[in-house]
Every structure is written in structure tokens, then in C-alpha cells.
Amino acid sequence: AEVLFKQFGFTVDNVVNKVKKVRNE
């Protein structure tokens, strides 16, 4: 369960970073 949660959190971070990049450009 911990690994799954970490993978999910990592995916969320990636999405957030992509959204931030799009807004900055």
C-alpha cells in the first residue's frame, strides 16, 4: 500500500508540475 501511495503521489506531482509549466509559458 505504501508503494502504491508513493507512486500515486509522484504521478500527482508530475501533473501539477506540467500544469504549472503550461501556465508559465
PDB file of N, CA and C in Angstrom:
ATOM      1  N   ALA A   1       0.849  -1.212   0.000  1.00  0.00           N
ATOM      2  CA  ALA A   1       0.000   0.000   0.000  1.00  0.00           C
ATOM      3  C   ALA A   1       0.879   1.256   0.000  1.00  0.00           C
ATOM      4  N   GLU A   2       1.972   1.195   0.736  1.00  0.00           N
ATOM      5  CA  GLU A   2       2.850   2.386   0.794  1.00  0.00           C
ATOM      6  C   GLU A   2       3.425   2.711  -0.576  1.00  0.00           C
ATOM      7  N   VAL A   3       3.896   1.678  -1.264  1.00  0.00           N
ATOM      8  CA  VAL A   3       4.491   1.895  -2.597  1.00  0.00           C
ATOM      9  C   VAL A   3       3.446   2.478  -3.540  1.00  0.00           C
ATOM     10  N   LEU A   4       2.229   1.937  -3.485  1.00  0.00           N
ATOM     11  CA  LEU A   4       1.162   2.423  -4.365  1.00  0.00           C
ATOM     12  C   LEU A   4       0.888   3.899  -4.081  1.00  0.00           C
ATOM     13  N   PHE A   5       0.851   4.249  -2.795  1.00  0.00           N
ATOM     14  CA  PHE A   5       0.595   5.641  -2.411  1.00  0.00           C
ATOM     15  C   PHE A   5       1.709   6.551  -2.913  1.00  0.00           C
ATOM     16  N   LYS A   6       2.964   6.079  -2.793  1.00  0.00           N
ATOM     17  CA  LYS A   6       4.096   6.898  -3.255  1.00  0.00           C
ATOM     18  C   LYS A   6       4.019   7.097  -4.768  1.00  0.00           C
ATOM     19  N   GLN A   7       3.674   6.034  -5.494  1.00  0.00           N
ATOM     20  CA  GLN A   7       3.577   6.134  -6.957  1.00  0.00           C
ATOM     21  C   GLN A   7       2.464   7.108  -7.329  1.00  0.00           C
ATOM     22  N   PHE A   8       1.337   7.042  -6.618  1.00  0.00           N
ATOM     23  CA  PHE A   8       0.216   7.946  -6.897  1.00  0.00           C
ATOM     24  C   PHE A   8       0.619   9.388  -6.618  1.00  0.00           C
ATOM     25  N   GLY A   9       1.294   9.610  -5.508  1.00  0.00           N
ATOM     26  CA  GLY A   9       1.742  10.963  -5.158  1.00  0.00           C
ATOM     27  C   GLY A   9       2.720  11.485  -6.183  1.00  0.00           C
ATOM     28  N   PHE A  10       3.602  10.606  -6.672  1.00  0.00           N
ATOM     29  CA  PHE A  10       4.586  11.026  -7.673  1.00  0.00           C
ATOM     30  C   PHE A  10       3.878  11.431  -8.962  1.00  0.00           C
ATOM     31  N   THR A  11       2.836  10.669  -9.316  1.00  0.00           N
ATOM     32  CA  THR A  11       2.079  10.990 -10.533  1.00  0.00           C
ATOM     33  C   THR A  11       1.384  12.339 -10.368  1.00  0.00           C
ATOM     34  N   VAL A  12       0.813  12.561  -9.198  1.00  0.00           N
ATOM     35  CA  VAL A  12       0.133  13.839  -8.940  1.00  0.00           C
ATOM     36  C   VAL A  12       1.128  14.983  -9.060  1.00  0.00           C
ATOM     37  N   ASP A  13       2.324  14.801  -8.518  1.00  0.00           N
ATOM     38  CA  ASP A  13       3.352  15.850  -8.589  1.00  0.00           C
ATOM     39  C   ASP A  13       3.689  16.148 -10.044  1.00  0.00           C
ATOM     40  N   ASN A  14       3.789  15.100 -10.865  1.00  0.00           N
ATOM     41  CA  ASN A  14       4.120  15.294 -12.277  1.00  0.00           C
ATOM     42  C   ASN A  14       3.037  16.107 -12.970  1.00  0.00           C
ATOM     43  N   VAL A  15       1.785  15.775 -12.687  1.00  0.00           N
ATOM     44  CA  VAL A  15       0.669  16.501 -13.309  1.00  0.00           C
ATOM     45  C   VAL A  15       0.695  17.960 -12.880  1.00  0.00           C
ATOM     46  N   VAL A  16       0.904  18.190 -11.590  1.00  0.00           N
ATOM     47  CA  VAL A  16       0.934  19.569 -11.077  1.00  0.00           C
ATOM     48  C   VAL A  16       2.062  20.351 -11.737  1.00  0.00           C
ATOM     49  N   ASN A  17       3.225  19.718 -11.872  1.00  0.00           N
ATOM     50  CA  ASN A  17       4.363  20.405 -12.488  1.00  0.00           C
ATOM     51  C   ASN A  17       4.068  20.735 -13.943  1.00  0.00           C
ATOM     52  N   LYS A  18       3.415  19.818 -14.655  1.00  0.00           N
ATOM     53  CA  LYS A  18       3.079  20.063 -16.065  1.00  0.00           C
ATOM     54  C   LYS A  18       2.115  21.234 -16.172  1.00  0.00           C
ATOM     55  N   VAL A  19       1.131  21.272 -15.280  1.00  0.00           N
ATOM     56  CA  VAL A  19       0.149  22.368 -15.307  1.00  0.00           C
ATOM     57  C   VAL A  19       0.850  23.693 -15.036  1.00  0.00           C
ATOM     58  N   LYS A  20       1.758  23.699 -14.083  1.00  0.00           N
ATOM     59  CA  LYS A  20       2.485  24.941 -13.759  1.00  0.00           C
ATOM     60  C   LYS A  20       3.296  25.402 -14.961  1.00  0.00           C
ATOM     61  N   LYS A  21       3.951  24.467 -15.652  1.00  0.00           N
ATOM     62  CA  LYS A  21       4.759  24.831 -16.825  1.00  0.00           C
ATOM     63  C   LYS A  21       3.870  25.432 -17.905  1.00  0.00           C
ATOM     64  N   VAL A  22       2.715  24.834 -18.124  1.00  0.00           N
ATOM     65  CA  VAL A  22       1.797  25.333 -19.159  1.00  0.00           C
ATOM     66  C   VAL A  22       1.338  26.746 -18.806  1.00  0.00           C
ATOM     67  N   ARG A  23       1.056  26.985 -17.534  1.00  0.00           N
ATOM     68  CA  ARG A  23       0.589  28.319 -17.121  1.00  0.00           C
ATOM     69  C   ARG A  23       1.706  29.349 -17.254  1.00  0.00           C
ATOM     70  N   ASN A  24       2.944  28.936 -17.014  1.00  0.00           N
ATOM     71  CA  ASN A  24       4.062  29.878 -17.101  1.00  0.00           C
ATOM     72  C   ASN A  24       4.356  30.267 -18.545  1.00  0.00           C
ATOM     73  N   GLU A  25       4.152  29.339 -19.469  1.00  0.00           N
ATOM     74  CA  GLU A  25       4.503  29.609 -20.868  1.00  0.00           C
ATOM     75  C   GLU A  25       3.447  30.451 -21.565  1.00  0.00           C
TER      76      GLU A  25
END
